[in-house]
Amino acid sequence: MAAGRKGELVPRPSKKVEYDIRFASAGAKKGWRDLVATMRNPMADAWDFLTRTPTANTPTNYRLKGELGTVQRGGQSFERWQHKPTLKGSARIWFYLDDRTVFLEAVHTSHPYETK
């Protein structure tokens, strides 16, 4: 077994019951990066929530309604969820689940126009 380099980041192991998180778009990746740069602790909490309980209905996590309530990907229809990293902030994370994977579809740094 090769020795690790000094200062090398130790990856966090995931639990068997946790979900994977993946980007579903380049825009989601950019939005995630921007939010982490401006609100690191709430985004770490969002990561924990989305890997553990992404379908829990809370004041900051819920299914979107109406036309925004579903998303089409690869010929399949998925329920679209919204997560707010903070209760009073305007940032929003739109995601859907496919099996044990949370796909971040859009990460909005401010309140999305579609839900105003």
Protein backbone atom coordinates (compact mmCIF):
# COMPACT_ATOMS: atom_id res chain seq x y z
CA MET A 1 0.00 0.00 0.00
CA ALA A 2 1.45 3.34 -1.04
CA ALA A 3 1.96 5.95 1.64
CA GLY A 4 -0.17 9.08 1.41
CA ARG A 5 1.42 12.43 0.78
CA LYS A 6 1.62 14.89 3.64
CA GLY A 7 -1.28 17.31 3.46
CA GLU A 8 -3.35 15.07 1.18
CA LEU A 9 -7.08 15.48 1.76
CA VAL A 10 -8.74 12.52 3.45
CA PRO A 11 -12.03 11.76 1.66
CA ARG A 12 -15.05 11.37 3.89
CA PRO A 13 -16.40 7.83 3.68
CA SER A 14 -20.12 7.63 3.10
CA LYS A 15 -22.43 5.44 5.09
CA LYS A 16 -24.35 2.71 3.29
CA VAL A 17 -27.65 4.51 3.93
CA GLU A 18 -26.44 7.84 2.54
CA TYR A 19 -27.22 9.19 -0.90
CA ASP A 20 -24.59 10.23 -3.44
CA ILE A 21 -24.75 13.80 -4.72
CA ARG A 22 -23.97 14.55 -8.37
CA PHE A 23 -24.29 17.59 -10.59
CA ALA A 24 -26.93 17.33 -13.31
CA SER A 25 -25.70 20.48 -15.08
CA ALA A 26 -22.71 22.76 -15.42
CA GLY A 27 -24.85 25.60 -14.06
CA ALA A 28 -25.55 23.64 -10.88
CA LYS A 29 -21.83 23.07 -10.41
CA LYS A 30 -21.10 26.79 -10.78
CA GLY A 31 -23.95 27.76 -8.46
CA TRP A 32 -22.78 25.25 -5.84
CA ARG A 33 -19.23 26.59 -6.01
CA ASP A 34 -20.50 30.18 -5.69
CA LEU A 35 -22.66 29.37 -2.66
CA VAL A 36 -19.87 27.43 -0.94
CA ALA A 37 -17.63 30.47 -1.40
CA THR A 38 -20.15 32.79 0.25
CA MET A 39 -21.84 30.55 2.84
CA ARG A 40 -19.65 27.56 3.61
CA ASN A 41 -21.27 26.37 6.86
CA PRO A 42 -24.88 26.35 5.58
CA MET A 43 -23.71 24.53 2.44
CA ALA A 44 -21.95 21.90 4.55
CA ASP A 45 -25.24 21.49 6.43
CA ALA A 46 -27.08 21.26 3.08
CA TRP A 47 -24.66 18.52 1.98
CA ASP A 48 -25.32 16.58 5.19
CA PHE A 49 -29.09 16.96 4.78
CA LEU A 50 -29.12 15.95 1.11
CA THR A 51 -26.94 12.89 1.66
CA ARG A 52 -29.02 11.69 4.62
CA THR A 53 -32.65 12.80 4.28
CA PRO A 54 -33.29 14.42 0.88
CA THR A 55 -37.00 13.55 0.84
CA ALA A 56 -37.82 14.84 4.32
CA ASN A 57 -40.48 17.55 4.18
CA THR A 58 -39.30 20.49 6.27
CA PRO A 59 -39.70 24.29 6.06
CA THR A 60 -36.45 24.34 4.08
CA ASN A 61 -36.90 21.19 1.97
CA TYR A 62 -39.98 20.29 -0.03
CA ARG A 63 -41.30 19.22 -3.43
CA LEU A 64 -41.99 21.95 -5.91
CA LYS A 65 -45.59 22.23 -7.10
CA GLY A 66 -47.35 22.53 -10.43
CA GLU A 67 -45.31 22.54 -13.62
CA LEU A 68 -42.10 22.89 -11.63
CA GLY A 69 -42.89 19.73 -9.64
CA THR A 70 -41.44 17.34 -12.21
CA VAL A 71 -38.34 17.23 -14.35
CA GLN A 72 -37.69 15.10 -17.43
CA ARG A 73 -34.30 13.42 -17.79
CA GLY A 74 -33.41 10.68 -20.24
CA GLY A 75 -37.04 9.99 -21.06
CA GLN A 76 -37.97 9.58 -17.40
CA SER A 77 -39.97 11.84 -15.12
CA PHE A 78 -38.66 12.69 -11.65
CA GLU A 79 -40.07 14.66 -8.74
CA ARG A 80 -38.30 18.01 -8.37
CA TRP A 81 -37.42 19.15 -4.87
CA GLN A 82 -36.22 22.47 -3.50
CA HIS A 83 -33.80 22.89 -0.62
CA LYS A 84 -33.06 26.21 1.05
CA PRO A 85 -29.60 26.27 2.64
CA THR A 86 -30.88 28.84 5.16
CA LEU A 87 -34.40 29.51 6.39
CA LYS A 88 -34.39 33.24 5.63
CA GLY A 89 -31.93 33.38 2.74
CA SER A 90 -32.81 33.49 -0.94
CA ALA A 91 -30.50 30.73 -2.23
CA ARG A 92 -32.23 27.60 -3.55
CA ILE A 93 -31.07 24.15 -4.61
CA TRP A 94 -33.29 22.29 -7.08
CA PHE A 95 -32.71 18.57 -7.20
CA TYR A 96 -34.24 15.24 -8.11
CA LEU A 97 -33.52 11.70 -7.01
CA ASP A 98 -32.75 8.68 -9.11
CA ASP A 99 -32.43 5.64 -6.86
CA ARG A 100 -29.81 6.55 -4.20
CA THR A 101 -28.42 9.56 -6.08
CA VAL A 102 -29.36 13.19 -5.54
CA PHE A 103 -28.88 15.09 -8.80
CA LEU A 104 -28.40 18.83 -8.35
CA GLU A 105 -30.27 20.27 -11.29
CA ALA A 106 -29.94 23.97 -10.47
CA VAL A 107 -28.28 25.87 -7.65
CA HIS A 108 -29.61 29.41 -7.43
CA THR A 109 -27.62 32.01 -5.53
CA SER A 110 -30.79 34.09 -5.23
CA HIS A 111 -34.51 33.38 -5.35
CA PRO A 112 -35.28 31.81 -8.76
CA TYR A 113 -37.59 33.83 -10.97
CA GLU A 114 -39.72 30.75 -11.72
CA THR A 115 -40.97 30.50 -8.13
CA LYS A 116 -41.62 34.19 -7.44
